[in-house]
Structure formats: C-alpha cells, structure tokens
Amino acid sequence: MFTRTATIVALIISLAGCGAGRDAATLKPYAPTDGVQASAQEIKVRDFVLVSMPDGTGVVVGTIVQTGSTQDRITGIVVNGMSANVAPASPMLNQNAPIRFAGDSANASADVPGLNAAPGTLAKIEITFETSGTVTLDAIVRDNKNEFSSVTTTPVQG
C-alpha cells in the first residue's frame, strides 16, 4: 500500500510542473519594471518612464547603451510633441558606456517644462540619434512619489 501511494504522489508531483505546457508565461521575455524597452541598430533603450513633477514638468528616466563599436550621439528627445531640455547637450554614446537619465548614477538629464502629463497615462517619447535614426516609445507617466520621489528637475552638468 505504501509503495502504491508513494508512486501516485511522485507521479502527481512530476506531472504538476508540466501543466503550463510549451506556452508557459515564465518562458516569455518581459520587462520586470514600469519602463519600456526599444532598440535602434546597436543602441539599447531601457527602462524608460516619464515622471510628472508637481509643477507640471515631465522628467525622463531611463538608460541608453551603445552596444556596438561605432560612436553615436543623442540629437534630441521629444515628449508628446514638446522638445526636452537635454543636459549635457547632445550626449555622446560610446560602446558600453551607459547614458543614465535621473537617479543616483545619472550622467544626463532630460525634462520638459509645462508638459502636464497625468500620472497613469502614456507619453510618446521620441529619441533621435545622429546615425541610428529615431526610437519611439509609449512610456508610462509616474507620479513624483514612492520609488520616483527622488527624481528632480536639476540638470546634470557636463
């Protein structure tokens, strides 16, 4: 009796992991963040969100990395049709040297005064590169609270 029960329990346990099949959600890539991802040739745009400040300014948060050996440059960022103030102006993208907008390790900033984007909505962010073209993202707008409470409109010097 014990052997039969042990066999049935072992069979149930071994088959339970197969219930999701080949289309299991854990097999599909996903972004474990609010931020959106995109690519332009060898440039990777990662974890982009827009933070809505109390004065109506929209602050871009995210990282851009050039994975190829060819240098490129950010020539503009437009949010919902409005040009962002980018500092330093036209940041250079070198291989595997991330450009980080906002946060403790920020080396660039981009903000749009008077944007007045409502938290919970989507903002269209267009990032134009000198040689790699333009990337368009639909990024979520987050409030300047909780994990985004440290985001400021202070431009990065450079």
N, C-alpha and C. Protein backbone atom coordinates (compact mmCIF):
# COMPACT_ATOMS: atom_id res chain seq x y z
N MET A 1 0.82 -1.18 0.00
CA MET A 1 0.00 0.00 0.00
C MET A 1 0.87 1.26 0.00
N PHE A 2 1.94 1.25 0.83
CA PHE A 2 2.82 2.40 0.91
C PHE A 2 3.48 2.66 -0.44
N THR A 3 3.94 1.66 -1.13
CA THR A 3 4.60 1.80 -2.42
C THR A 3 3.64 2.39 -3.45
N ARG A 4 2.41 1.92 -3.45
CA ARG A 4 1.41 2.42 -4.40
C ARG A 4 1.11 3.90 -4.14
N THR A 5 0.95 4.28 -2.87
CA THR A 5 0.68 5.67 -2.51
C THR A 5 1.88 6.55 -2.86
N ALA A 6 3.08 6.09 -2.56
CA ALA A 6 4.29 6.85 -2.88
C ALA A 6 4.43 7.05 -4.38
N THR A 7 4.08 6.03 -5.17
CA THR A 7 4.15 6.13 -6.62
C THR A 7 3.14 7.16 -7.15
N ILE A 8 1.96 7.15 -6.63
CA ILE A 8 0.93 8.11 -7.06
C ILE A 8 1.35 9.53 -6.69
N VAL A 9 1.87 9.73 -5.50
CA VAL A 9 2.32 11.07 -5.08
C VAL A 9 3.47 11.54 -5.97
N ALA A 10 4.42 10.67 -6.24
CA ALA A 10 5.55 11.02 -7.10
C ALA A 10 5.08 11.37 -8.51
N LEU A 11 4.12 10.64 -9.03
CA LEU A 11 3.58 10.90 -10.36
C LEU A 11 2.87 12.26 -10.40
N ILE A 12 2.09 12.57 -9.39
CA ILE A 12 1.39 13.86 -9.32
C ILE A 12 2.39 15.01 -9.27
N ILE A 13 3.42 14.88 -8.45
CA ILE A 13 4.43 15.94 -8.32
C ILE A 13 5.17 16.12 -9.64
N SER A 14 5.55 15.04 -10.29
CA SER A 14 6.32 15.17 -11.53
C SER A 14 5.49 15.73 -12.67
N LEU A 15 4.21 15.48 -12.69
CA LEU A 15 3.35 15.99 -13.75
C LEU A 15 2.87 17.41 -13.49
N ALA A 16 2.88 17.85 -12.25
CA ALA A 16 2.38 19.18 -11.91
C ALA A 16 3.18 20.28 -12.59
N GLY A 17 4.47 20.11 -12.77
CA GLY A 17 5.31 21.11 -13.41
C GLY A 17 5.07 21.21 -14.90
N CYS A 18 4.44 20.24 -15.50
CA CYS A 18 4.21 20.24 -16.94
C CYS A 18 2.88 20.88 -17.32
N GLY A 19 2.09 21.28 -16.34
CA GLY A 19 0.75 21.79 -16.60
C GLY A 19 0.71 23.04 -17.45
N ALA A 20 1.75 23.84 -17.43
CA ALA A 20 1.75 25.09 -18.19
C ALA A 20 2.02 24.85 -19.67
N GLY A 21 2.63 23.75 -19.99
CA GLY A 21 2.90 23.43 -21.38
C GLY A 21 4.02 24.27 -21.97
N ARG A 22 4.11 24.27 -23.31
CA ARG A 22 5.17 24.99 -24.01
C ARG A 22 4.93 26.49 -24.06
N ASP A 23 3.73 26.93 -23.70
CA ASP A 23 3.40 28.35 -23.78
C ASP A 23 3.33 28.97 -22.38
N ALA A 24 4.18 28.49 -21.48
CA ALA A 24 4.17 28.98 -20.10
C ALA A 24 4.59 30.44 -20.05
N ALA A 25 3.94 31.21 -19.21
CA ALA A 25 4.26 32.64 -19.09
C ALA A 25 5.71 32.87 -18.68
N THR A 26 6.28 31.96 -17.92
CA THR A 26 7.66 32.13 -17.47
C THR A 26 8.67 31.92 -18.59
N LEU A 27 8.25 31.38 -19.72
CA LEU A 27 9.15 31.20 -20.85
C LEU A 27 9.21 32.43 -21.75
N LYS A 28 8.31 33.39 -21.55
CA LYS A 28 8.25 34.57 -22.41
C LYS A 28 9.03 35.72 -21.78
N PRO A 29 9.84 36.45 -22.60
CA PRO A 29 10.56 37.60 -22.05
C PRO A 29 9.59 38.71 -21.67
N TYR A 30 9.92 39.42 -20.63
CA TYR A 30 9.10 40.54 -20.19
C TYR A 30 9.99 41.55 -19.47
N ALA A 31 9.50 42.77 -19.35
CA ALA A 31 10.22 43.80 -18.63
C ALA A 31 9.69 43.85 -17.20
N PRO A 32 10.50 43.47 -16.22
CA PRO A 32 10.02 43.46 -14.83
C PRO A 32 10.07 44.85 -14.20
N THR A 33 9.58 45.84 -14.92
CA THR A 33 9.60 47.22 -14.47
C THR A 33 8.50 47.99 -15.19
N ASP A 34 8.23 49.19 -14.73
CA ASP A 34 7.27 50.04 -15.44
C ASP A 34 7.85 50.54 -16.75
N GLY A 35 9.16 50.59 -16.84
CA GLY A 35 9.84 51.15 -18.01
C GLY A 35 9.69 50.32 -19.25
N VAL A 36 9.77 51.01 -20.40
CA VAL A 36 9.67 50.34 -21.70
C VAL A 36 11.04 50.23 -22.33
N GLN A 37 11.15 49.29 -23.26
CA GLN A 37 12.42 48.98 -23.92
C GLN A 37 12.28 49.20 -25.43
N ALA A 38 13.40 49.50 -26.08
CA ALA A 38 13.44 49.62 -27.54
C ALA A 38 14.90 49.50 -27.99
N SER A 39 15.09 49.40 -29.29
CA SER A 39 16.43 49.34 -29.87
C SER A 39 16.46 50.13 -31.17
N ALA A 40 17.63 50.69 -31.47
CA ALA A 40 17.89 51.34 -32.75
C ALA A 40 19.26 50.87 -33.18
N GLN A 41 19.30 49.95 -34.14
CA GLN A 41 20.55 49.33 -34.57
C GLN A 41 21.24 48.73 -33.35
N GLU A 42 22.42 49.22 -32.96
CA GLU A 42 23.15 48.66 -31.82
C GLU A 42 22.92 49.43 -30.52
N ILE A 43 21.97 50.35 -30.53
CA ILE A 43 21.66 51.14 -29.34
C ILE A 43 20.48 50.49 -28.62
N LYS A 44 20.63 50.31 -27.31
CA LYS A 44 19.57 49.72 -26.49
C LYS A 44 19.00 50.81 -25.57
N VAL A 45 17.68 51.00 -25.63
CA VAL A 45 16.97 51.95 -24.79
C VAL A 45 16.23 51.12 -23.75
N ARG A 46 16.50 51.38 -22.46
CA ARG A 46 15.99 50.51 -21.41
C ARG A 46 15.30 51.28 -20.29
N ASP A 47 14.20 50.70 -19.80
CA ASP A 47 13.51 51.14 -18.58
C ASP A 47 13.06 52.60 -18.60
N PHE A 48 12.53 53.06 -19.74
CA PHE A 48 12.11 54.46 -19.85
C PHE A 48 10.72 54.68 -19.27
N VAL A 49 10.63 55.68 -18.40
CA VAL A 49 9.37 56.18 -17.86
C VAL A 49 9.46 57.70 -17.86
N LEU A 50 8.33 58.33 -17.67
CA LEU A 50 8.29 59.78 -17.54
C LEU A 50 7.72 60.08 -16.16
N VAL A 51 8.41 60.93 -15.39
CA VAL A 51 7.94 61.28 -14.05
C VAL A 51 7.32 62.67 -14.12
N SER A 52 6.08 62.75 -13.65
CA SER A 52 5.34 64.01 -13.62
C SER A 52 5.63 64.73 -12.31
N MET A 53 6.23 65.91 -12.42
CA MET A 53 6.60 66.71 -11.25
C MET A 53 5.42 67.58 -10.83
N PRO A 54 5.39 68.03 -9.57
CA PRO A 54 4.28 68.86 -9.09
C PRO A 54 4.06 70.14 -9.89
N ASP A 55 5.12 70.70 -10.51
CA ASP A 55 4.97 71.94 -11.29
C ASP A 55 4.58 71.69 -12.74
N GLY A 56 4.33 70.43 -13.11
CA GLY A 56 3.92 70.10 -14.47
C GLY A 56 5.04 69.67 -15.38
N THR A 57 6.29 69.77 -14.91
CA THR A 57 7.43 69.33 -15.71
C THR A 57 7.44 67.81 -15.82
N GLY A 58 7.79 67.31 -16.99
CA GLY A 58 7.98 65.88 -17.19
C GLY A 58 9.46 65.56 -17.20
N VAL A 59 9.90 64.62 -16.38
CA VAL A 59 11.32 64.25 -16.30
C VAL A 59 11.49 62.84 -16.86
N VAL A 60 12.40 62.71 -17.81
CA VAL A 60 12.69 61.42 -18.44
C VAL A 60 13.59 60.61 -17.52
N VAL A 61 13.24 59.33 -17.32
CA VAL A 61 14.03 58.40 -16.52
C VAL A 61 14.30 57.19 -17.39
N GLY A 62 15.55 56.75 -17.47
CA GLY A 62 15.89 55.56 -18.26
C GLY A 62 17.36 55.52 -18.59
N THR A 63 17.75 54.48 -19.33
CA THR A 63 19.15 54.25 -19.68
C THR A 63 19.26 53.95 -21.17
N ILE A 64 20.31 54.49 -21.78
CA ILE A 64 20.61 54.22 -23.19
C ILE A 64 22.04 53.70 -23.27
N VAL A 65 22.25 52.59 -23.99
CA VAL A 65 23.57 51.99 -24.12
C VAL A 65 23.86 51.70 -25.59
N GLN A 66 25.03 52.11 -26.03
CA GLN A 66 25.52 51.77 -27.38
C GLN A 66 26.32 50.48 -27.22
N THR A 67 25.81 49.37 -27.78
CA THR A 67 26.49 48.09 -27.64
C THR A 67 27.50 47.84 -28.75
N GLY A 68 27.42 48.62 -29.82
CA GLY A 68 28.35 48.47 -30.93
C GLY A 68 29.57 49.36 -30.75
N SER A 69 30.52 49.22 -31.65
CA SER A 69 31.77 49.97 -31.54
C SER A 69 31.71 51.35 -32.17
N THR A 70 30.64 51.66 -32.90
CA THR A 70 30.51 52.95 -33.57
C THR A 70 29.91 53.98 -32.61
N GLN A 71 30.58 55.12 -32.48
CA GLN A 71 30.03 56.18 -31.64
C GLN A 71 28.76 56.74 -32.27
N ASP A 72 27.87 57.21 -31.44
CA ASP A 72 26.66 57.87 -31.89
C ASP A 72 26.38 58.99 -30.90
N ARG A 73 25.35 59.75 -31.18
CA ARG A 73 25.03 60.91 -30.34
C ARG A 73 23.52 61.07 -30.27
N ILE A 74 23.01 61.45 -29.10
CA ILE A 74 21.60 61.78 -28.97
C ILE A 74 21.44 63.22 -29.47
N THR A 75 20.64 63.40 -30.51
CA THR A 75 20.47 64.75 -31.06
C THR A 75 19.17 65.40 -30.61
N GLY A 76 18.28 64.65 -30.00
CA GLY A 76 17.06 65.25 -29.50
C GLY A 76 16.15 64.26 -28.82
N ILE A 77 15.38 64.76 -27.87
CA ILE A 77 14.34 63.98 -27.20
C ILE A 77 13.07 64.83 -27.23
N VAL A 78 11.99 64.24 -27.72
CA VAL A 78 10.70 64.92 -27.81
C VAL A 78 9.68 64.10 -27.05
N VAL A 79 8.90 64.77 -26.18
CA VAL A 79 7.88 64.09 -25.38
C VAL A 79 6.53 64.72 -25.70
N ASN A 80 5.62 63.90 -26.19
CA ASN A 80 4.28 64.38 -26.58
C ASN A 80 4.36 65.63 -27.45
N GLY A 81 5.31 65.64 -28.37
CA GLY A 81 5.44 66.75 -29.32
C GLY A 81 6.22 67.94 -28.80
N MET A 82 6.70 67.90 -27.56
CA MET A 82 7.45 69.01 -26.97
C MET A 82 8.91 68.61 -26.79
N SER A 83 9.84 69.48 -27.21
CA SER A 83 11.27 69.20 -27.08
C SER A 83 11.71 69.23 -25.63
N ALA A 84 12.51 68.26 -25.27
CA ALA A 84 13.06 68.19 -23.91
C ALA A 84 14.34 69.01 -23.82
N ASN A 85 14.58 69.56 -22.64
CA ASN A 85 15.87 70.18 -22.34
C ASN A 85 16.81 69.05 -21.95
N VAL A 86 17.82 68.80 -22.78
CA VAL A 86 18.75 67.70 -22.54
C VAL A 86 20.09 68.28 -22.08
N ALA A 87 20.63 67.73 -20.99
CA ALA A 87 21.94 68.14 -20.49
C ALA A 87 22.75 66.89 -20.15
N PRO A 88 24.00 66.83 -20.56
CA PRO A 88 24.65 67.77 -21.45
C PRO A 88 24.02 67.74 -22.83
N ALA A 89 24.20 68.81 -23.58
CA ALA A 89 23.61 68.89 -24.92
C ALA A 89 24.23 67.81 -25.81
N SER A 90 23.39 67.10 -26.54
CA SER A 90 23.83 66.05 -27.48
C SER A 90 24.82 65.07 -26.87
N PRO A 91 24.41 64.32 -25.84
CA PRO A 91 25.34 63.38 -25.21
C PRO A 91 25.87 62.33 -26.19
N MET A 92 27.17 62.08 -26.09
CA MET A 92 27.84 61.09 -26.94
C MET A 92 27.61 59.69 -26.38
N LEU A 93 27.34 58.75 -27.27
CA LEU A 93 27.17 57.34 -26.90
C LEU A 93 28.41 56.57 -27.33
N ASN A 94 29.15 56.09 -26.34
CA ASN A 94 30.33 55.26 -26.60
C ASN A 94 30.00 53.83 -26.22
N GLN A 95 30.74 52.89 -26.80
CA GLN A 95 30.45 51.48 -26.57
C GLN A 95 30.43 51.14 -25.08
N ASN A 96 29.31 50.53 -24.67
CA ASN A 96 29.10 50.02 -23.31
C ASN A 96 29.30 51.08 -22.22
N ALA A 97 29.06 52.34 -22.55
CA ALA A 97 29.13 53.43 -21.57
C ALA A 97 27.72 54.01 -21.46
N PRO A 98 26.92 53.53 -20.50
CA PRO A 98 25.52 53.93 -20.43
C PRO A 98 25.30 55.42 -20.19
N ILE A 99 24.28 55.95 -20.83
CA ILE A 99 23.78 57.28 -20.53
C ILE A 99 22.56 57.04 -19.64
N ARG A 100 22.60 57.57 -18.42
CA ARG A 100 21.52 57.35 -17.45
C ARG A 100 20.82 58.67 -17.16
N PHE A 101 19.54 58.69 -17.43
CA PHE A 101 18.71 59.86 -17.15
C PHE A 101 18.05 59.67 -15.80
N ALA A 102 18.36 60.57 -14.84
CA ALA A 102 17.80 60.59 -13.49
C ALA A 102 18.38 59.46 -12.64
N GLY A 103 18.28 59.63 -11.33
CA GLY A 103 18.78 58.63 -10.40
C GLY A 103 20.14 58.98 -9.84
N ASP A 104 20.60 58.16 -8.90
CA ASP A 104 21.87 58.41 -8.22
C ASP A 104 23.07 58.37 -9.16
N SER A 105 23.01 57.56 -10.19
CA SER A 105 24.15 57.43 -11.11
C SER A 105 23.91 58.16 -12.43
N ALA A 106 23.01 59.15 -12.41
CA ALA A 106 22.69 59.89 -13.64
C ALA A 106 23.90 60.65 -14.16
N ASN A 107 24.09 60.57 -15.48
CA ASN A 107 25.12 61.37 -16.13
C ASN A 107 24.52 62.24 -17.23
N ALA A 108 23.17 62.29 -17.27
CA ALA A 108 22.45 63.14 -18.22
C ALA A 108 21.07 63.44 -17.63
N SER A 109 20.43 64.46 -18.16
CA SER A 109 19.07 64.78 -17.73
C SER A 109 18.27 65.24 -18.94
N ALA A 110 16.96 65.02 -18.88
CA ALA A 110 16.04 65.47 -19.92
C ALA A 110 14.71 65.78 -19.26
N ASP A 111 14.27 67.04 -19.38
CA ASP A 111 12.99 67.40 -18.81
C ASP A 111 12.23 68.32 -19.75
N VAL A 112 10.91 68.30 -19.60
CA VAL A 112 10.01 69.09 -20.44
C VAL A 112 9.13 69.94 -19.54
N PRO A 113 9.50 71.24 -19.34
CA PRO A 113 8.66 72.11 -18.53
C PRO A 113 7.29 72.31 -19.17
N GLY A 114 6.26 72.36 -18.32
CA GLY A 114 4.91 72.61 -18.82
C GLY A 114 4.26 71.47 -19.56
N LEU A 115 4.79 70.28 -19.44
CA LEU A 115 4.22 69.12 -20.14
C LEU A 115 2.85 68.75 -19.56
N ASN A 116 2.74 68.80 -18.25
CA ASN A 116 1.48 68.49 -17.56
C ASN A 116 0.89 67.13 -17.93
N ALA A 117 1.75 66.11 -17.99
CA ALA A 117 1.30 64.75 -18.28
C ALA A 117 0.70 64.13 -17.02
N ALA A 118 -0.46 63.55 -17.13
CA ALA A 118 -1.15 62.97 -15.98
C ALA A 118 -0.57 61.60 -15.64
N PRO A 119 -0.24 61.36 -14.35
CA PRO A 119 0.24 60.04 -13.94
C PRO A 119 -0.78 58.96 -14.32
N GLY A 120 -0.25 57.82 -14.78
CA GLY A 120 -1.10 56.71 -15.19
C GLY A 120 -1.39 56.69 -16.67
N THR A 121 -1.06 57.77 -17.37
CA THR A 121 -1.27 57.81 -18.82
C THR A 121 0.03 57.41 -19.52
N LEU A 122 -0.02 57.36 -20.85
CA LEU A 122 1.18 57.07 -21.63
C LEU A 122 1.67 58.35 -22.30
N ALA A 123 2.99 58.49 -22.37
CA ALA A 123 3.62 59.62 -23.04
C ALA A 123 4.43 59.08 -24.21
N LYS A 124 4.32 59.74 -25.35
CA LYS A 124 5.10 59.35 -26.53
C LYS A 124 6.47 60.03 -26.43
N ILE A 125 7.51 59.22 -26.31
CA ILE A 125 8.88 59.72 -26.22
C ILE A 125 9.61 59.33 -27.50
N GLU A 126 10.15 60.33 -28.20
CA GLU A 126 10.93 60.09 -29.41
C GLU A 126 12.38 60.49 -29.14
N ILE A 127 13.29 59.55 -29.31
CA ILE A 127 14.71 59.81 -29.10
C ILE A 127 15.39 59.70 -30.46
N THR A 128 16.05 60.79 -30.86
CA THR A 128 16.71 60.82 -32.17
C THR A 128 18.21 60.74 -31.98
N PHE A 129 18.83 59.85 -32.76
CA PHE A 129 20.27 59.65 -32.71
C PHE A 129 20.89 60.16 -34.01
N GLU A 130 22.13 60.58 -33.94
CA GLU A 130 22.82 61.16 -35.10
C GLU A 130 22.89 60.19 -36.27
N THR A 131 23.22 58.92 -36.01
CA THR A 131 23.36 57.96 -37.11
C THR A 131 22.40 56.78 -37.04
N SER A 132 21.82 56.52 -35.89
CA SER A 132 20.97 55.33 -35.74
C SER A 132 19.48 55.59 -35.91
N GLY A 133 19.09 56.81 -36.27
CA GLY A 133 17.68 57.08 -36.52
C GLY A 133 16.93 57.47 -35.26
N THR A 134 15.63 57.20 -35.25
CA THR A 134 14.76 57.60 -34.16
C THR A 134 14.07 56.39 -33.55
N VAL A 135 13.96 56.39 -32.23
CA VAL A 135 13.23 55.38 -31.49
C VAL A 135 12.02 56.06 -30.88
N THR A 136 10.85 55.42 -31.00
CA THR A 136 9.63 55.96 -30.41
C THR A 136 9.12 54.99 -29.36
N LEU A 137 8.83 55.51 -28.18
CA LEU A 137 8.36 54.71 -27.05
C LEU A 137 7.04 55.27 -26.53
N ASP A 138 6.18 54.41 -26.05
CA ASP A 138 5.00 54.82 -25.31
C ASP A 138 5.28 54.47 -23.86
N ALA A 139 5.75 55.48 -23.11
CA ALA A 139 6.19 55.26 -21.74
C ALA A 139 5.11 55.68 -20.75
N ILE A 140 5.00 54.93 -19.67
CA ILE A 140 4.03 55.27 -18.64
C ILE A 140 4.49 56.52 -17.89
N VAL A 141 3.54 57.33 -17.50
CA VAL A 141 3.81 58.52 -16.70
C VAL A 141 3.59 58.14 -15.24
N ARG A 142 4.61 58.37 -14.42
CA ARG A 142 4.54 58.06 -13.00
C ARG A 142 4.55 59.36 -12.19
N ASP A 143 3.93 59.32 -11.03
CA ASP A 143 3.91 60.46 -10.14
C ASP A 143 5.25 60.57 -9.43
N ASN A 144 5.60 61.76 -8.98
CA ASN A 144 6.86 62.03 -8.27
C ASN A 144 6.75 61.56 -6.82
N LYS A 145 6.37 60.29 -6.62
CA LYS A 145 6.17 59.71 -5.29
C LYS A 145 6.78 58.31 -5.26
N ASN A 146 6.80 57.73 -4.08
CA ASN A 146 7.28 56.36 -3.87
C ASN A 146 8.66 56.17 -4.47
N GLU A 147 8.84 55.18 -5.34
CA GLU A 147 10.17 54.91 -5.88
C GLU A 147 10.69 56.01 -6.78
N PHE A 148 9.83 56.96 -7.19
CA PHE A 148 10.26 58.08 -8.04
C PHE A 148 10.32 59.40 -7.26
N SER A 149 10.25 59.35 -5.94
CA SER A 149 10.24 60.56 -5.12
C SER A 149 11.58 61.31 -5.15
N SER A 150 12.67 60.63 -5.48
CA SER A 150 13.98 61.28 -5.52
C SER A 150 14.28 61.91 -6.88
N VAL A 151 13.40 61.74 -7.85
CA VAL A 151 13.63 62.33 -9.18
C VAL A 151 13.42 63.84 -9.08
N THR A 152 14.38 64.59 -9.65
CA THR A 152 14.30 66.05 -9.63
C THR A 152 14.48 66.61 -11.03
N THR A 153 14.27 67.91 -11.16
CA THR A 153 14.46 68.58 -12.45
C THR A 153 15.84 69.23 -12.54
N THR A 154 16.72 68.94 -11.59
CA THR A 154 18.05 69.53 -11.61
C THR A 154 18.86 68.98 -12.77
N PRO A 155 19.31 69.85 -13.69
CA PRO A 155 20.07 69.35 -14.84
C PRO A 155 21.44 68.83 -14.43
N VAL A 156 21.88 67.79 -15.13
CA VAL A 156 23.21 67.24 -14.91
C VAL A 156 24.20 68.15 -15.62
N GLN A 157 25.26 68.49 -14.93
CA GLN A 157 26.29 69.36 -15.53
C GLN A 157 27.20 68.51 -16.39
N GLY A 158 27.61 69.06 -17.53
CA GLY A 158 28.51 68.26 -18.36
C GLY A 158 29.00 68.94 -19.53
